[in-house]
Amino acid sequence: MGIQKDAGELLLFAYKRYCEKGEMVSKEKFIEESGWDEIRTHNAFNYLLDKGLIKARQYLGGGFLIERIYPEGIDIIEHEDKFKSNFGFGINLGLINFSWSRGK
């Protein structure tokens, strides 16, 4: 799995969590859910940040909180062809699955 694909999964996770619970995602919560290590998580996070798809708060020691998905990020998620061209894999918003899925 590459950084681009990982970033797509992190963005989808943040989107799904916001839609279902009205919450945004902290690094700790994401690592707890995904089982990814810190380097993989930070690479995906930085990719999204550098592309300008998210607004985030960063903390000393490497923590972060994704506060918001910008409209461009939402547009990419909600248009399957845009998502695939940006992240290299397709999605179905009615059935979002993650590579780490443990039946949650």
PDB file of N, CA and C in Angstrom:
ATOM      1  N   MET A   1       0.839  -1.170   0.000  1.00  0.00           N
ATOM      2  CA  MET A   1       0.000   0.000   0.000  1.00  0.00           C
ATOM      3  C   MET A   1       0.888   1.238   0.000  1.00  0.00           C
ATOM      4  N   GLY A   2       0.529   2.255  -0.788  1.00  0.00           N
ATOM      5  CA  GLY A   2       1.312   3.476  -0.860  1.00  0.00           C
ATOM      6  C   GLY A   2       0.684   4.612  -0.071  1.00  0.00           C
ATOM      7  N   ILE A   3       1.423   5.700   0.010  1.00  0.00           N
ATOM      8  CA  ILE A   3       0.962   6.873   0.759  1.00  0.00           C
ATOM      9  C   ILE A   3      -0.332   7.416   0.175  1.00  0.00           C
ATOM     10  N   GLN A   4      -0.428   7.465  -1.139  1.00  0.00           N
ATOM     11  CA  GLN A   4      -1.628   7.992  -1.786  1.00  0.00           C
ATOM     12  C   GLN A   4      -2.867   7.197  -1.373  1.00  0.00           C
ATOM     13  N   LYS A   5      -2.774   5.878  -1.415  1.00  0.00           N
ATOM     14  CA  LYS A   5      -3.914   5.034  -1.034  1.00  0.00           C
ATOM     15  C   LYS A   5      -4.220   5.176   0.446  1.00  0.00           C
ATOM     16  N   ASP A   6      -3.179   5.206   1.274  1.00  0.00           N
ATOM     17  CA  ASP A   6      -3.375   5.389   2.715  1.00  0.00           C
ATOM     18  C   ASP A   6      -4.085   6.706   3.006  1.00  0.00           C
ATOM     19  N   ALA A   7      -3.688   7.766   2.294  1.00  0.00           N
ATOM     20  CA  ALA A   7      -4.321   9.072   2.482  1.00  0.00           C
ATOM     21  C   ALA A   7      -5.802   9.008   2.130  1.00  0.00           C
ATOM     22  N   GLY A   8      -6.139   8.273   1.089  1.00  0.00           N
ATOM     23  CA  GLY A   8      -7.546   8.102   0.720  1.00  0.00           C
ATOM     24  C   GLY A   8      -8.330   7.419   1.816  1.00  0.00           C
ATOM     25  N   GLU A   9      -7.729   6.422   2.438  1.00  0.00           N
ATOM     26  CA  GLU A   9      -8.417   5.722   3.532  1.00  0.00           C
ATOM     27  C   GLU A   9      -8.585   6.624   4.752  1.00  0.00           C
ATOM     28  N   LEU A  10      -7.563   7.399   5.076  1.00  0.00           N
ATOM     29  CA  LEU A  10      -7.677   8.328   6.202  1.00  0.00           C
ATOM     30  C   LEU A  10      -8.764   9.366   5.929  1.00  0.00           C
ATOM     31  N   LEU A  11      -8.805   9.895   4.724  1.00  0.00           N
ATOM     32  CA  LEU A  11      -9.833  10.876   4.372  1.00  0.00           C
ATOM     33  C   LEU A  11     -11.230  10.252   4.466  1.00  0.00           C
ATOM     34  N   LEU A  12     -11.385   9.055   3.952  1.00  0.00           N
ATOM     35  CA  LEU A  12     -12.683   8.365   4.047  1.00  0.00           C
ATOM     36  C   LEU A  12     -13.084   8.109   5.489  1.00  0.00           C
ATOM     37  N   PHE A  13     -12.115   7.711   6.311  1.00  0.00           N
ATOM     38  CA  PHE A  13     -12.382   7.463   7.725  1.00  0.00           C
ATOM     39  C   PHE A  13     -12.897   8.742   8.393  1.00  0.00           C
ATOM     40  N   ALA A  14     -12.224   9.871   8.133  1.00  0.00           N
ATOM     41  CA  ALA A  14     -12.646  11.147   8.713  1.00  0.00           C
ATOM     42  C   ALA A  14     -14.041  11.528   8.219  1.00  0.00           C
ATOM     43  N   TYR A  15     -14.296  11.320   6.942  1.00  0.00           N
ATOM     44  CA  TYR A  15     -15.601  11.643   6.350  1.00  0.00           C
ATOM     45  C   TYR A  15     -16.708  10.785   6.975  1.00  0.00           C
ATOM     46  N   LYS A  16     -16.467   9.499   7.054  1.00  0.00           N
ATOM     47  CA  LYS A  16     -17.468   8.584   7.602  1.00  0.00           C
ATOM     48  C   LYS A  16     -17.750   8.911   9.064  1.00  0.00           C
ATOM     49  N   ARG A  17     -16.712   9.159   9.834  1.00  0.00           N
ATOM     50  CA  ARG A  17     -16.873   9.480  11.254  1.00  0.00           C
ATOM     51  C   ARG A  17     -17.659  10.785  11.429  1.00  0.00           C
ATOM     52  N   TYR A  18     -17.365  11.767  10.581  1.00  0.00           N
ATOM     53  CA  TYR A  18     -18.081  13.035  10.665  1.00  0.00           C
ATOM     54  C   TYR A  18     -19.554  12.849  10.293  1.00  0.00           C
ATOM     55  N   CYS A  19     -19.830  12.115   9.229  1.00  0.00           N
ATOM     56  CA  CYS A  19     -21.216  11.898   8.797  1.00  0.00           C
ATOM     57  C   CYS A  19     -22.019  11.105   9.822  1.00  0.00           C
ATOM     58  N   GLU A  20     -21.404  10.098  10.430  1.00  0.00           N
ATOM     59  CA  GLU A  20     -22.120   9.214  11.349  1.00  0.00           C
ATOM     60  C   GLU A  20     -22.193   9.749  12.777  1.00  0.00           C
ATOM     61  N   LYS A  21     -21.134  10.423  13.243  1.00  0.00           N
ATOM     62  CA  LYS A  21     -21.069  10.818  14.646  1.00  0.00           C
ATOM     63  C   LYS A  21     -20.868  12.315  14.860  1.00  0.00           C
ATOM     64  N   GLY A  22     -20.660  13.061  13.790  1.00  0.00           N
ATOM     65  CA  GLY A  22     -20.413  14.489  13.922  1.00  0.00           C
ATOM     66  C   GLY A  22     -19.074  14.807  14.572  1.00  0.00           C
ATOM     67  N   GLU A  23     -18.168  13.843  14.562  1.00  0.00           N
ATOM     68  CA  GLU A  23     -16.861  14.006  15.195  1.00  0.00           C
ATOM     69  C   GLU A  23     -15.774  14.026  14.137  1.00  0.00           C
ATOM     70  N   MET A  24     -14.686  14.681  14.475  1.00  0.00           N
ATOM     71  CA  MET A  24     -13.515  14.618  13.614  1.00  0.00           C
ATOM     72  C   MET A  24     -12.506  13.657  14.241  1.00  0.00           C
ATOM     73  N   VAL A  25     -11.357  13.495  13.606  1.00  0.00           N
ATOM     74  CA  VAL A  25     -10.467  12.395  13.942  1.00  0.00           C
ATOM     75  C   VAL A  25      -9.137  12.878  14.520  1.00  0.00           C
ATOM     76  N   SER A  26      -8.769  12.292  15.646  1.00  0.00           N
ATOM     77  CA  SER A  26      -7.448  12.524  16.210  1.00  0.00           C
ATOM     78  C   SER A  26      -6.517  11.409  15.744  1.00  0.00           C
ATOM     79  N   LYS A  27      -5.227  11.689  15.802  1.00  0.00           N
ATOM     80  CA  LYS A  27      -4.234  10.673  15.438  1.00  0.00           C
ATOM     81  C   LYS A  27      -4.422   9.431  16.293  1.00  0.00           C
ATOM     82  N   GLU A  28      -4.610   9.619  17.582  1.00  0.00           N
ATOM     83  CA  GLU A  28      -4.737   8.484  18.502  1.00  0.00           C
ATOM     84  C   GLU A  28      -5.937   7.610  18.151  1.00  0.00           C
ATOM     85  N   LYS A  29      -7.074   8.233  17.866  1.00  0.00           N
ATOM     86  CA  LYS A  29      -8.276   7.473  17.524  1.00  0.00           C
ATOM     87  C   LYS A  29      -8.081   6.708  16.217  1.00  0.00           C
ATOM     88  N   PHE A  30      -7.445   7.373  15.243  1.00  0.00           N
ATOM     89  CA  PHE A  30      -7.226   6.711  13.967  1.00  0.00           C
ATOM     90  C   PHE A  30      -6.299   5.505  14.129  1.00  0.00           C
ATOM     91  N   ILE A  31      -5.207   5.670  14.849  1.00  0.00           N
ATOM     92  CA  ILE A  31      -4.272   4.557  15.058  1.00  0.00           C
ATOM     93  C   ILE A  31      -4.957   3.421  15.811  1.00  0.00           C
ATOM     94  N   GLU A  32      -5.778   3.766  16.790  1.00  0.00           N
ATOM     95  CA  GLU A  32      -6.521   2.745  17.546  1.00  0.00           C
ATOM     96  C   GLU A  32      -7.438   1.941  16.622  1.00  0.00           C
ATOM     97  N   GLU A  33      -8.126   2.633  15.719  1.00  0.00           N
ATOM     98  CA  GLU A  33      -9.063   1.967  14.807  1.00  0.00           C
ATOM     99  C   GLU A  33      -8.351   1.196  13.695  1.00  0.00           C
ATOM    100  N   SER A  34      -7.313   1.795  13.129  1.00  0.00           N
ATOM    101  CA  SER A  34      -6.679   1.214  11.942  1.00  0.00           C
ATOM    102  C   SER A  34      -5.579   0.213  12.256  1.00  0.00           C
ATOM    103  N   GLY A  35      -4.901   0.400  13.388  1.00  0.00           N
ATOM    104  CA  GLY A  35      -3.756  -0.441  13.710  1.00  0.00           C
ATOM    105  C   GLY A  35      -2.486  -0.027  12.972  1.00  0.00           C
ATOM    106  N   TRP A  36      -2.527   1.103  12.261  1.00  0.00           N
ATOM    107  CA  TRP A  36      -1.354   1.573  11.539  1.00  0.00           C
ATOM    108  C   TRP A  36      -0.316   2.100  12.522  1.00  0.00           C
ATOM    109  N   ASP A  37       0.945   2.135  12.095  1.00  0.00           N
ATOM    110  CA  ASP A  37       1.975   2.734  12.934  1.00  0.00           C
ATOM    111  C   ASP A  37       1.995   4.252  12.712  1.00  0.00           C
ATOM    112  N   GLU A  38       2.762   4.949  13.543  1.00  0.00           N
ATOM    113  CA  GLU A  38       2.790   6.415  13.484  1.00  0.00           C
ATOM    114  C   GLU A  38       3.337   6.949  12.167  1.00  0.00           C
ATOM    115  N   ILE A  39       4.358   6.315  11.625  1.00  0.00           N
ATOM    116  CA  ILE A  39       4.952   6.807  10.377  1.00  0.00           C
ATOM    117  C   ILE A  39       3.947   6.711   9.233  1.00  0.00           C
ATOM    118  N   ARG A  40       3.300   5.578   9.098  1.00  0.00           N
ATOM    119  CA  ARG A  40       2.309   5.407   8.040  1.00  0.00           C
ATOM    120  C   ARG A  40       1.168   6.414   8.195  1.00  0.00           C
ATOM    121  N   THR A  41       0.722   6.604   9.428  1.00  0.00           N
ATOM    122  CA  THR A  41      -0.356   7.553   9.708  1.00  0.00           C
ATOM    123  C   THR A  41       0.062   8.974   9.366  1.00  0.00           C
ATOM    124  N   HIS A  42       1.253   9.363   9.780  1.00  0.00           N
ATOM    125  CA  HIS A  42       1.723  10.723   9.495  1.00  0.00           C
ATOM    126  C   HIS A  42       1.940  10.961   8.007  1.00  0.00           C
ATOM    127  N   ASN A  43       2.422   9.972   7.294  1.00  0.00           N
ATOM    128  CA  ASN A  43       2.597  10.129   5.848  1.00  0.00           C
ATOM    129  C   ASN A  43       1.257  10.401   5.167  1.00  0.00           C
ATOM    130  N   ALA A  44       0.239   9.641   5.544  1.00  0.00           N
ATOM    131  CA  ALA A  44      -1.096   9.834   4.970  1.00  0.00           C
ATOM    132  C   ALA A  44      -1.662  11.196   5.366  1.00  0.00           C
ATOM    133  N   PHE A  45      -1.519  11.550   6.627  1.00  0.00           N
ATOM    134  CA  PHE A  45      -2.001  12.841   7.131  1.00  0.00           C
ATOM    135  C   PHE A  45      -1.328  14.002   6.400  1.00  0.00           C
ATOM    136  N   ASN A  46      -0.016  13.955   6.280  1.00  0.00           N
ATOM    137  CA  ASN A  46       0.718  15.027   5.618  1.00  0.00           C
ATOM    138  C   ASN A  46       0.336  15.152   4.145  1.00  0.00           C
ATOM    139  N   TYR A  47       0.063  14.035   3.496  1.00  0.00           N
ATOM    140  CA  TYR A  47      -0.380  14.061   2.100  1.00  0.00           C
ATOM    141  C   TYR A  47      -1.682  14.854   1.979  1.00  0.00           C
ATOM    142  N   LEU A  48      -2.647  14.557   2.850  1.00  0.00           N
ATOM    143  CA  LEU A  48      -3.926  15.265   2.809  1.00  0.00           C
ATOM    144  C   LEU A  48      -3.762  16.744   3.137  1.00  0.00           C
ATOM    145  N   LEU A  49      -2.925  17.029   4.105  1.00  0.00           N
ATOM    146  CA  LEU A  49      -2.667  18.411   4.503  1.00  0.00           C
ATOM    147  C   LEU A  49      -2.000  19.186   3.370  1.00  0.00           C
ATOM    148  N   ASP A  50      -0.988  18.594   2.764  1.00  0.00           N
ATOM    149  CA  ASP A  50      -0.267  19.257   1.671  1.00  0.00           C
ATOM    150  C   ASP A  50      -1.143  19.473   0.439  1.00  0.00           C
ATOM    151  N   LYS A  51      -2.097  18.585   0.209  1.00  0.00           N
ATOM    152  CA  LYS A  51      -3.017  18.756  -0.929  1.00  0.00           C
ATOM    153  C   LYS A  51      -4.122  19.766  -0.621  1.00  0.00           C
ATOM    154  N   GLY A  52      -4.191  20.217   0.627  1.00  0.00           N
ATOM    155  CA  GLY A  52      -5.192  21.206   1.005  1.00  0.00           C
ATOM    156  C   GLY A  52      -6.602  20.657   1.115  1.00  0.00           C
ATOM    157  N   LEU A  53      -6.727  19.369   1.446  1.00  0.00           N
ATOM    158  CA  LEU A  53      -8.050  18.747   1.537  1.00  0.00           C
ATOM    159  C   LEU A  53      -8.623  18.774   2.943  1.00  0.00           C
ATOM    160  N   ILE A  54      -7.758  19.006   3.934  1.00  0.00           N
ATOM    161  CA  ILE A  54      -8.205  19.019   5.329  1.00  0.00           C
ATOM    162  C   ILE A  54      -7.637  20.232   6.058  1.00  0.00           C
ATOM    163  N   LYS A  55      -8.338  20.592   7.127  1.00  0.00           N
ATOM    164  CA  LYS A  55      -7.826  21.563   8.096  1.00  0.00           C
ATOM    165  C   LYS A  55      -7.528  20.757   9.351  1.00  0.00           C
ATOM    166  N   ALA A  56      -6.360  20.982   9.928  1.00  0.00           N
ATOM    167  CA  ALA A  56      -5.981  20.176  11.083  1.00  0.00           C
ATOM    168  C   ALA A  56      -5.214  21.006  12.091  1.00  0.00           C
ATOM    169  N   ARG A  57      -5.276  20.563  13.311  1.00  0.00           N
ATOM    170  CA  ARG A  57      -4.477  21.123  14.395  1.00  0.00           C
ATOM    171  C   ARG A  57      -3.367  20.116  14.675  1.00  0.00           C
ATOM    172  N   GLN A  58      -2.142  20.606  14.737  1.00  0.00           N
ATOM    173  CA  GLN A  58      -1.001  19.733  15.024  1.00  0.00           C
ATOM    174  C   GLN A  58      -0.434  20.096  16.387  1.00  0.00           C
ATOM    175  N   TYR A  59       0.004  19.081  17.105  1.00  0.00           N
ATOM    176  CA  TYR A  59       0.494  19.254  18.466  1.00  0.00           C
ATOM    177  C   TYR A  59       1.967  18.882  18.559  1.00  0.00           C
ATOM    178  N   LEU A  60       2.637  19.448  19.558  1.00  0.00           N
ATOM    179  CA  LEU A  60       4.011  19.039  19.845  1.00  0.00           C
ATOM    180  C   LEU A  60       4.011  17.543  20.130  1.00  0.00           C
ATOM    181  N   GLY A  61       5.008  16.865  19.668  1.00  0.00           N
ATOM    182  CA  GLY A  61       5.077  15.424  19.870  1.00  0.00           C
ATOM    183  C   GLY A  61       4.438  14.635  18.747  1.00  0.00           C
ATOM    184  N   GLY A  62       3.909  15.319  17.732  1.00  0.00           N
ATOM    185  CA  GLY A  62       3.408  14.617  16.561  1.00  0.00           C
ATOM    186  C   GLY A  62       1.929  14.319  16.532  1.00  0.00           C
ATOM    187  N   GLY A  63       1.167  14.743  17.530  1.00  0.00           N
ATOM    188  CA  GLY A  63      -0.272  14.503  17.510  1.00  0.00           C
ATOM    189  C   GLY A  63      -0.972  15.418  16.521  1.00  0.00           C
ATOM    190  N   PHE A  64      -2.175  15.039  16.134  1.00  0.00           N
ATOM    191  CA  PHE A  64      -2.975  15.894  15.263  1.00  0.00           C
ATOM    192  C   PHE A  64      -4.448  15.634  15.480  1.00  0.00           C
ATOM    193  N   LEU A  65      -5.243  16.601  15.060  1.00  0.00           N
ATOM    194  CA  LEU A  65      -6.686  16.472  15.042  1.00  0.00           C
ATOM    195  C   LEU A  65      -7.161  17.020  13.705  1.00  0.00           C
ATOM    196  N   ILE A  66      -7.800  16.174  12.916  1.00  0.00           N
ATOM    197  CA  ILE A  66      -8.411  16.647  11.675  1.00  0.00           C
ATOM    198  C   ILE A  66      -9.690  17.358  12.090  1.00  0.00           C
ATOM    199  N   GLU A  67      -9.704  18.678  11.904  1.00  0.00           N
ATOM    200  CA  GLU A  67     -10.833  19.501  12.349  1.00  0.00           C
ATOM    201  C   GLU A  67     -11.929  19.620  11.304  1.00  0.00           C
ATOM    202  N   ARG A  68     -11.519  19.525  10.053  1.00  0.00           N
ATOM    203  CA  ARG A  68     -12.481  19.790   8.980  1.00  0.00           C
ATOM    204  C   ARG A  68     -11.982  19.204   7.670  1.00  0.00           C
ATOM    205  N   ILE A  69     -12.912  18.739   6.858  1.00  0.00           N
ATOM    206  CA  ILE A  69     -12.607  18.363   5.478  1.00  0.00           C
ATOM    207  C   ILE A  69     -13.106  19.528   4.627  1.00  0.00           C
ATOM    208  N   TYR A  70     -12.194  20.108   3.852  1.00  0.00           N
ATOM    209  CA  TYR A  70     -12.573  21.234   3.004  1.00  0.00           C
ATOM    210  C   TYR A  70     -13.521  20.770   1.904  1.00  0.00           C
ATOM    211  N   PRO A  71     -14.307  21.710   1.332  1.00  0.00           N
ATOM    212  CA  PRO A  71     -15.257  21.336   0.278  1.00  0.00           C
ATOM    213  C   PRO A  71     -14.632  20.543  -0.873  1.00  0.00           C
ATOM    214  N   GLU A  72     -13.414  20.878  -1.267  1.00  0.00           N
ATOM    215  CA  GLU A  72     -12.773  20.122  -2.344  1.00  0.00           C
ATOM    216  C   GLU A  72     -12.591  18.650  -1.950  1.00  0.00           C
ATOM    217  N   GLY A  73     -12.246  18.408  -0.688  1.00  0.00           N
ATOM    218  CA  GLY A  73     -12.110  17.029  -0.207  1.00  0.00           C
ATOM    219  C   GLY A  73     -13.432  16.288  -0.224  1.00  0.00           C
ATOM    220  N   ILE A  74     -14.499  16.973   0.177  1.00  0.00           N
ATOM    221  CA  ILE A  74     -15.831  16.365   0.147  1.00  0.00           C
ATOM    222  C   ILE A  74     -16.246  16.076  -1.290  1.00  0.00           C
ATOM    223  N   ASP A  75     -15.983  17.018  -2.197  1.00  0.00           N
ATOM    224  CA  ASP A  75     -16.305  16.795  -3.613  1.00  0.00           C
ATOM    225  C   ASP A  75     -15.581  15.565  -4.155  1.00  0.00           C
ATOM    226  N   ILE A  76     -14.319  15.405  -3.793  1.00  0.00           N
ATOM    227  CA  ILE A  76     -13.550  14.251  -4.256  1.00  0.00           C
ATOM    228  C   ILE A  76     -14.158  12.961  -3.717  1.00  0.00           C
ATOM    229  N   ILE A  77     -14.520  12.954  -2.441  1.00  0.00           N
ATOM    230  CA  ILE A  77     -15.110  11.748  -1.840  1.00  0.00           C
ATOM    231  C   ILE A  77     -16.446  11.413  -2.493  1.00  0.00           C
ATOM    232  N   GLU A  78     -17.267  12.404  -2.714  1.00  0.00           N
ATOM    233  CA  GLU A  78     -18.630  12.164  -3.177  1.00  0.00           C
ATOM    234  C   GLU A  78     -18.757  11.970  -4.684  1.00  0.00           C
ATOM    235  N   HIS A  79     -17.656  12.054  -5.406  1.00  0.00           N
ATOM    236  CA  HIS A  79     -17.639  11.768  -6.844  1.00  0.00           C
ATOM    237  C   HIS A  79     -16.619  10.654  -7.082  1.00  0.00           C
ATOM    238  N   GLU A  80     -17.138   9.457  -7.261  1.00  0.00           N
ATOM    239  CA  GLU A  80     -16.297   8.264  -7.317  1.00  0.00           C
ATOM    240  C   GLU A  80     -15.154   8.361  -8.318  1.00  0.00           C
ATOM    241  N   ASP A  81     -15.398   8.957  -9.480  1.00  0.00           N
ATOM    242  CA  ASP A  81     -14.336   9.062 -10.479  1.00  0.00           C
ATOM    243  C   ASP A  81     -13.210   9.984  -9.997  1.00  0.00           C
ATOM    244  N   LYS A  82     -13.561  11.082  -9.328  1.00  0.00           N
ATOM    245  CA  LYS A  82     -12.547  11.980  -8.772  1.00  0.00           C
ATOM    246  C   LYS A  82     -11.744  11.280  -7.682  1.00  0.00           C
ATOM    247  N   PHE A  83     -12.441  10.518  -6.854  1.00  0.00           N
ATOM    248  CA  PHE A  83     -11.752   9.820  -5.774  1.00  0.00           C
ATOM    249  C   PHE A  83     -10.736   8.832  -6.340  1.00  0.00           C
ATOM    250  N   LYS A  84     -11.170   8.047  -7.310  1.00  0.00           N
ATOM    251  CA  LYS A  84     -10.272   7.058  -7.894  1.00  0.00           C
ATOM    252  C   LYS A  84      -9.068   7.715  -8.560  1.00  0.00           C
ATOM    253  N   SER A  85      -9.274   8.835  -9.244  1.00  0.00           N
ATOM    254  CA  SER A  85      -8.145   9.484  -9.904  1.00  0.00           C
ATOM    255  C   SER A  85      -7.202  10.149  -8.905  1.00  0.00           C
ATOM    256  N   ASN A  86      -7.698  10.524  -7.734  1.00  0.00           N
ATOM    257  CA  ASN A  86      -6.854  11.152  -6.714  1.00  0.00           C
ATOM    258  C   ASN A  86      -6.154  10.151  -5.805  1.00  0.00           C
ATOM    259  N   PHE A  87      -6.801   9.020  -5.536  1.00  0.00           N
ATOM    260  CA  PHE A  87      -6.253   8.090  -4.550  1.00  0.00           C
ATOM    261  C   PHE A  87      -5.962   6.688  -5.077  1.00  0.00           C
ATOM    262  N   GLY A  88      -6.311   6.425  -6.321  1.00  0.00           N
ATOM    263  CA  GLY A  88      -5.919   5.173  -6.943  1.00  0.00           C
ATOM    264  C   GLY A  88      -6.797   3.976  -6.660  1.00  0.00           C
ATOM    265  N   PHE A  89      -7.923   4.164  -5.982  1.00  0.00           N
ATOM    266  CA  PHE A  89      -8.857   3.056  -5.766  1.00  0.00           C
ATOM    267  C   PHE A  89     -10.276   3.598  -5.735  1.00  0.00           C
ATOM    268  N   GLY A  90     -11.207   2.747  -6.088  1.00  0.00           N
ATOM    269  CA  GLY A  90     -12.605   3.145  -6.139  1.00  0.00           C
ATOM    270  C   GLY A  90     -13.317   2.916  -4.823  1.00  0.00           C
ATOM    271  N   ILE A  91     -14.423   3.620  -4.654  1.00  0.00           N
ATOM    272  CA  ILE A  91     -15.236   3.481  -3.439  1.00  0.00           C
ATOM    273  C   ILE A  91     -16.705   3.440  -3.801  1.00  0.00           C
ATOM    274  N   ASN A  92     -17.491   2.956  -2.872  1.00  0.00           N
ATOM    275  CA  ASN A  92     -18.941   3.006  -2.931  1.00  0.00           C
ATOM    276  C   ASN A  92     -19.368   3.628  -1.614  1.00  0.00           C
ATOM    277  N   LEU A  93     -19.873   4.862  -1.639  1.00  0.00           N
ATOM    278  CA  LEU A  93     -20.223   5.551  -0.400  1.00  0.00           C
ATOM    279  C   LEU A  93     -21.262   4.809   0.424  1.00  0.00           C
ATOM    280  N   GLY A  94     -22.079   3.997  -0.205  1.00  0.00           N
ATOM    281  CA  GLY A  94     -23.067   3.223   0.540  1.00  0.00           C
ATOM    282  C   GLY A  94     -22.443   2.098   1.339  1.00  0.00           C
ATOM    283  N   LEU A  95     -21.226   1.736   0.988  1.00  0.00           N
ATOM    284  CA  LEU A  95     -20.554   0.624   1.653  1.00  0.00           C
ATOM    285  C   LEU A  95     -19.058   0.935   1.709  1.00  0.00           C
ATOM    286  N   ILE A  96     -18.661   1.754   2.672  1.00  0.00           N
ATOM    287  CA  ILE A  96     -17.260   2.128   2.812  1.00  0.00           C
ATOM    288  C   ILE A  96     -16.548   1.055   3.622  1.00  0.00           C
ATOM    289  N   ASN A  97     -15.522   0.473   3.024  1.00  0.00           N
ATOM    290  CA  ASN A  97     -14.707  -0.532   3.696  1.00  0.00           C
ATOM    291  C   ASN A  97     -13.274  -0.041   3.772  1.00  0.00           C
ATOM    292  N   PHE A  98     -12.576  -0.482   4.792  1.00  0.00           N
ATOM    293  CA  PHE A  98     -11.186  -0.097   4.973  1.00  0.00           C
ATOM    294  C   PHE A  98     -10.306  -1.333   4.917  1.00  0.00           C
ATOM    295  N   SER A  99      -9.048  -1.141   4.572  1.00  0.00           N
ATOM    296  CA  SER A  99      -8.122  -2.273   4.458  1.00  0.00           C
ATOM    297  C   SER A  99      -7.924  -2.976   5.797  1.00  0.00           C
ATOM    298  N   TRP A 100      -8.152  -2.275   6.888  1.00  0.00           N
ATOM    299  CA  TRP A 100      -7.948  -2.842   8.211  1.00  0.00           C
ATOM    300  C   TRP A 100      -9.241  -3.363   8.812  1.00  0.00           C
ATOM    301  N   SER A 101     -10.321  -3.337   8.071  1.00  0.00           N
ATOM    302  CA  SER A 101     -11.649  -3.643   8.577  1.00  0.00           C
ATOM    303  C   SER A 101     -11.662  -4.882   9.462  1.00  0.00           C
ATOM    304  N   ARG A 102     -12.194  -4.696  10.661  1.00  0.00           N
ATOM    305  CA  ARG A 102     -12.305  -5.787  11.636  1.00  0.00           C
ATOM    306  C   ARG A 102     -13.759  -6.013  12.008  1.00  0.00           C
ATOM    307  N   GLY A 103     -14.650  -5.759  11.052  1.00  0.00           N
ATOM    308  CA  GLY A 103     -16.064  -5.981  11.317  1.00  0.00           C
ATOM    309  C   GLY A 103     -16.721  -4.861  12.093  1.00  0.00           C
ATOM    310  N   LYS A 104     -16.090  -3.685  12.138  1.00  0.00           N
ATOM    311  CA  LYS A 104     -16.665  -2.562  12.906  1.00  0.00           C
ATOM    312  C   LYS A 104     -17.656  -1.803  12.063  1.00  0.00           C
TER     313      LYS A 104
END
